[in-house]
Amino acid sequence: LVFSIAPPQVVSRSQHDPDAVIQLIRRFAERHLIELLLGQCCAIYFYFMISFEVHLAVQFVPLSTEN
């Protein structure tokens, strides 16, 4: 997964140097960790927005059915 995204010269160099592999994986993980955290925040935000709208809709539905 990491090597398919990395440029070929990085892969060929990192095969001889274990530290380069570790740095590459660490850089890859840090970048995707930030994306994951942002995705989680967006998901939580949208979850609360949707649940809040559903909560409002549930409050207003009985009023509209009574009239």
N, C-alpha and C. Protein backbone atom coordinates (compact mmCIF):
# COMPACT_ATOMS: atom_id res chain seq x y z
N LEU A 1 0.85 -1.20 0.00
CA LEU A 1 0.00 0.00 0.00
C LEU A 1 0.88 1.25 0.00
N VAL A 2 1.88 1.25 0.86
CA VAL A 2 2.77 2.42 0.93
C VAL A 2 3.60 2.53 -0.34
N PHE A 3 4.09 1.39 -0.82
CA PHE A 3 5.00 1.42 -1.96
C PHE A 3 4.27 1.76 -3.26
N SER A 4 3.00 1.46 -3.33
CA SER A 4 2.27 1.79 -4.56
C SER A 4 2.06 3.29 -4.69
N ILE A 5 2.01 4.00 -3.55
CA ILE A 5 1.80 5.44 -3.58
C ILE A 5 3.14 6.17 -3.69
N ALA A 6 4.20 5.58 -3.14
CA ALA A 6 5.51 6.24 -3.15
C ALA A 6 6.11 6.21 -4.55
N PRO A 7 6.91 7.22 -4.89
CA PRO A 7 7.62 7.20 -6.18
C PRO A 7 8.61 6.04 -6.25
N PRO A 8 8.94 5.58 -7.44
CA PRO A 8 9.82 4.40 -7.58
C PRO A 8 11.20 4.62 -6.98
N GLN A 9 11.78 5.85 -7.13
CA GLN A 9 13.13 6.06 -6.60
C GLN A 9 13.14 5.94 -5.08
N VAL A 10 12.04 6.33 -4.42
CA VAL A 10 11.96 6.20 -2.96
C VAL A 10 11.94 4.72 -2.58
N VAL A 11 11.19 3.93 -3.33
CA VAL A 11 11.09 2.50 -3.03
C VAL A 11 12.44 1.82 -3.22
N SER A 12 13.12 2.12 -4.34
CA SER A 12 14.40 1.46 -4.60
C SER A 12 15.45 1.87 -3.58
N ARG A 13 15.41 3.14 -3.15
CA ARG A 13 16.37 3.59 -2.15
C ARG A 13 16.04 2.98 -0.78
N SER A 14 14.75 2.88 -0.46
CA SER A 14 14.37 2.43 0.87
C SER A 14 14.56 0.93 1.05
N GLN A 15 14.66 0.19 -0.05
CA GLN A 15 14.89 -1.25 0.09
C GLN A 15 16.27 -1.52 0.69
N HIS A 16 17.23 -0.60 0.47
CA HIS A 16 18.57 -0.79 1.03
C HIS A 16 18.70 -0.14 2.40
N ASP A 17 17.80 0.80 2.71
CA ASP A 17 17.92 1.58 3.95
C ASP A 17 16.66 1.41 4.79
N PRO A 18 16.74 0.65 5.88
CA PRO A 18 15.55 0.43 6.73
C PRO A 18 15.00 1.71 7.33
N ASP A 19 15.88 2.68 7.64
CA ASP A 19 15.41 3.93 8.23
C ASP A 19 14.54 4.70 7.25
N ALA A 20 14.86 4.61 5.96
CA ALA A 20 14.06 5.29 4.95
C ALA A 20 12.66 4.69 4.89
N VAL A 21 12.58 3.37 5.05
CA VAL A 21 11.28 2.71 5.06
C VAL A 21 10.45 3.22 6.24
N ILE A 22 11.09 3.28 7.40
CA ILE A 22 10.38 3.72 8.60
C ILE A 22 9.92 5.17 8.45
N GLN A 23 10.80 6.03 7.91
CA GLN A 23 10.43 7.43 7.70
C GLN A 23 9.28 7.54 6.72
N LEU A 24 9.33 6.74 5.66
CA LEU A 24 8.29 6.78 4.64
C LEU A 24 6.94 6.37 5.24
N ILE A 25 6.96 5.27 6.00
CA ILE A 25 5.72 4.80 6.61
C ILE A 25 5.20 5.80 7.63
N ARG A 26 6.14 6.42 8.39
CA ARG A 26 5.72 7.38 9.41
C ARG A 26 5.09 8.61 8.76
N ARG A 27 5.72 9.09 7.68
CA ARG A 27 5.19 10.26 6.98
C ARG A 27 3.81 9.93 6.39
N PHE A 28 3.71 8.73 5.80
CA PHE A 28 2.44 8.28 5.23
C PHE A 28 1.37 8.19 6.31
N ALA A 29 1.73 7.63 7.46
CA ALA A 29 0.76 7.44 8.54
C ALA A 29 0.32 8.78 9.13
N GLU A 30 1.27 9.72 9.28
CA GLU A 30 0.90 11.02 9.84
C GLU A 30 -0.08 11.75 8.93
N ARG A 31 0.19 11.70 7.63
CA ARG A 31 -0.69 12.39 6.68
C ARG A 31 -2.09 11.78 6.72
N HIS A 32 -2.17 10.46 6.75
CA HIS A 32 -3.48 9.83 6.73
C HIS A 32 -4.17 9.86 8.08
N LEU A 33 -3.38 9.98 9.15
CA LEU A 33 -3.99 10.12 10.48
C LEU A 33 -4.74 11.44 10.56
N ILE A 34 -4.13 12.50 10.00
CA ILE A 34 -4.79 13.81 10.00
C ILE A 34 -6.08 13.73 9.18
N GLU A 35 -6.01 13.06 8.02
CA GLU A 35 -7.21 12.92 7.19
C GLU A 35 -8.28 12.12 7.93
N LEU A 36 -7.86 11.07 8.64
CA LEU A 36 -8.82 10.28 9.40
C LEU A 36 -9.48 11.09 10.50
N LEU A 37 -8.66 11.89 11.21
CA LEU A 37 -9.21 12.70 12.29
C LEU A 37 -10.19 13.74 11.74
N LEU A 38 -9.84 14.37 10.62
CA LEU A 38 -10.74 15.34 10.00
C LEU A 38 -12.03 14.64 9.56
N GLY A 39 -11.89 13.44 9.00
CA GLY A 39 -13.07 12.70 8.59
C GLY A 39 -13.96 12.34 9.77
N GLN A 40 -13.33 11.96 10.89
CA GLN A 40 -14.10 11.65 12.09
C GLN A 40 -14.85 12.88 12.59
N CYS A 41 -14.16 14.03 12.60
CA CYS A 41 -14.81 15.26 13.07
C CYS A 41 -16.00 15.61 12.19
N CYS A 42 -15.82 15.48 10.88
CA CYS A 42 -16.93 15.78 9.96
C CYS A 42 -18.08 14.80 10.17
N ALA A 43 -17.75 13.53 10.37
CA ALA A 43 -18.79 12.53 10.57
C ALA A 43 -19.57 12.81 11.85
N ILE A 44 -18.85 13.15 12.91
CA ILE A 44 -19.52 13.45 14.18
C ILE A 44 -20.39 14.69 14.03
N TYR A 45 -19.84 15.71 13.33
CA TYR A 45 -20.59 16.95 13.13
C TYR A 45 -21.88 16.67 12.36
N PHE A 46 -21.78 15.93 11.25
CA PHE A 46 -22.97 15.64 10.47
C PHE A 46 -23.95 14.76 11.24
N TYR A 47 -23.41 13.84 12.04
CA TYR A 47 -24.29 12.99 12.85
C TYR A 47 -25.12 13.83 13.81
N PHE A 48 -24.47 14.80 14.47
CA PHE A 48 -25.20 15.64 15.40
C PHE A 48 -26.19 16.55 14.67
N MET A 49 -25.80 17.07 13.51
CA MET A 49 -26.71 17.92 12.74
C MET A 49 -27.95 17.14 12.34
N ILE A 50 -27.73 15.91 11.82
CA ILE A 50 -28.87 15.11 11.36
C ILE A 50 -29.75 14.70 12.54
N SER A 51 -29.13 14.29 13.64
CA SER A 51 -29.94 13.87 14.79
C SER A 51 -30.69 15.06 15.38
N PHE A 52 -30.10 16.25 15.32
CA PHE A 52 -30.78 17.44 15.81
C PHE A 52 -31.97 17.78 14.93
N GLU A 53 -31.78 17.67 13.61
CA GLU A 53 -32.89 17.94 12.69
C GLU A 53 -34.00 16.90 12.86
N VAL A 54 -33.63 15.65 13.06
CA VAL A 54 -34.64 14.61 13.30
C VAL A 54 -35.38 14.90 14.60
N HIS A 55 -34.65 15.36 15.60
CA HIS A 55 -35.27 15.70 16.88
C HIS A 55 -36.28 16.83 16.69
N LEU A 56 -35.92 17.84 15.92
CA LEU A 56 -36.86 18.93 15.64
C LEU A 56 -38.06 18.43 14.85
N ALA A 57 -37.80 17.57 13.86
CA ALA A 57 -38.89 17.05 13.03
C ALA A 57 -39.86 16.23 13.88
N VAL A 58 -39.32 15.44 14.81
CA VAL A 58 -40.18 14.62 15.67
C VAL A 58 -41.03 15.51 16.57
N GLN A 59 -40.47 16.65 16.98
CA GLN A 59 -41.25 17.56 17.82
C GLN A 59 -42.40 18.20 17.04
N PHE A 60 -42.15 18.50 15.77
CA PHE A 60 -43.15 19.24 15.00
C PHE A 60 -44.17 18.33 14.31
N VAL A 61 -43.84 17.06 14.15
CA VAL A 61 -44.77 16.16 13.45
C VAL A 61 -46.09 15.99 14.21
N PRO A 62 -46.09 15.77 15.54
CA PRO A 62 -47.38 15.62 16.24
C PRO A 62 -48.25 16.86 16.14
N LEU A 63 -47.65 18.06 16.12
CA LEU A 63 -48.43 19.28 16.01
C LEU A 63 -49.14 19.35 14.67
N SER A 64 -48.43 18.93 13.61
CA SER A 64 -49.05 19.02 12.28
C SER A 64 -50.12 17.94 12.10
N THR A 65 -50.01 16.79 12.79
CA THR A 65 -51.01 15.74 12.62
C THR A 65 -52.27 16.06 13.46
N GLU A 66 -52.11 16.80 14.55
CA GLU A 66 -53.28 17.13 15.37
C GLU A 66 -54.20 18.12 14.66
N ASN A 67 -53.61 19.08 13.96
CA ASN A 67 -54.43 20.11 13.31
C ASN A 67 -55.19 19.56 12.12
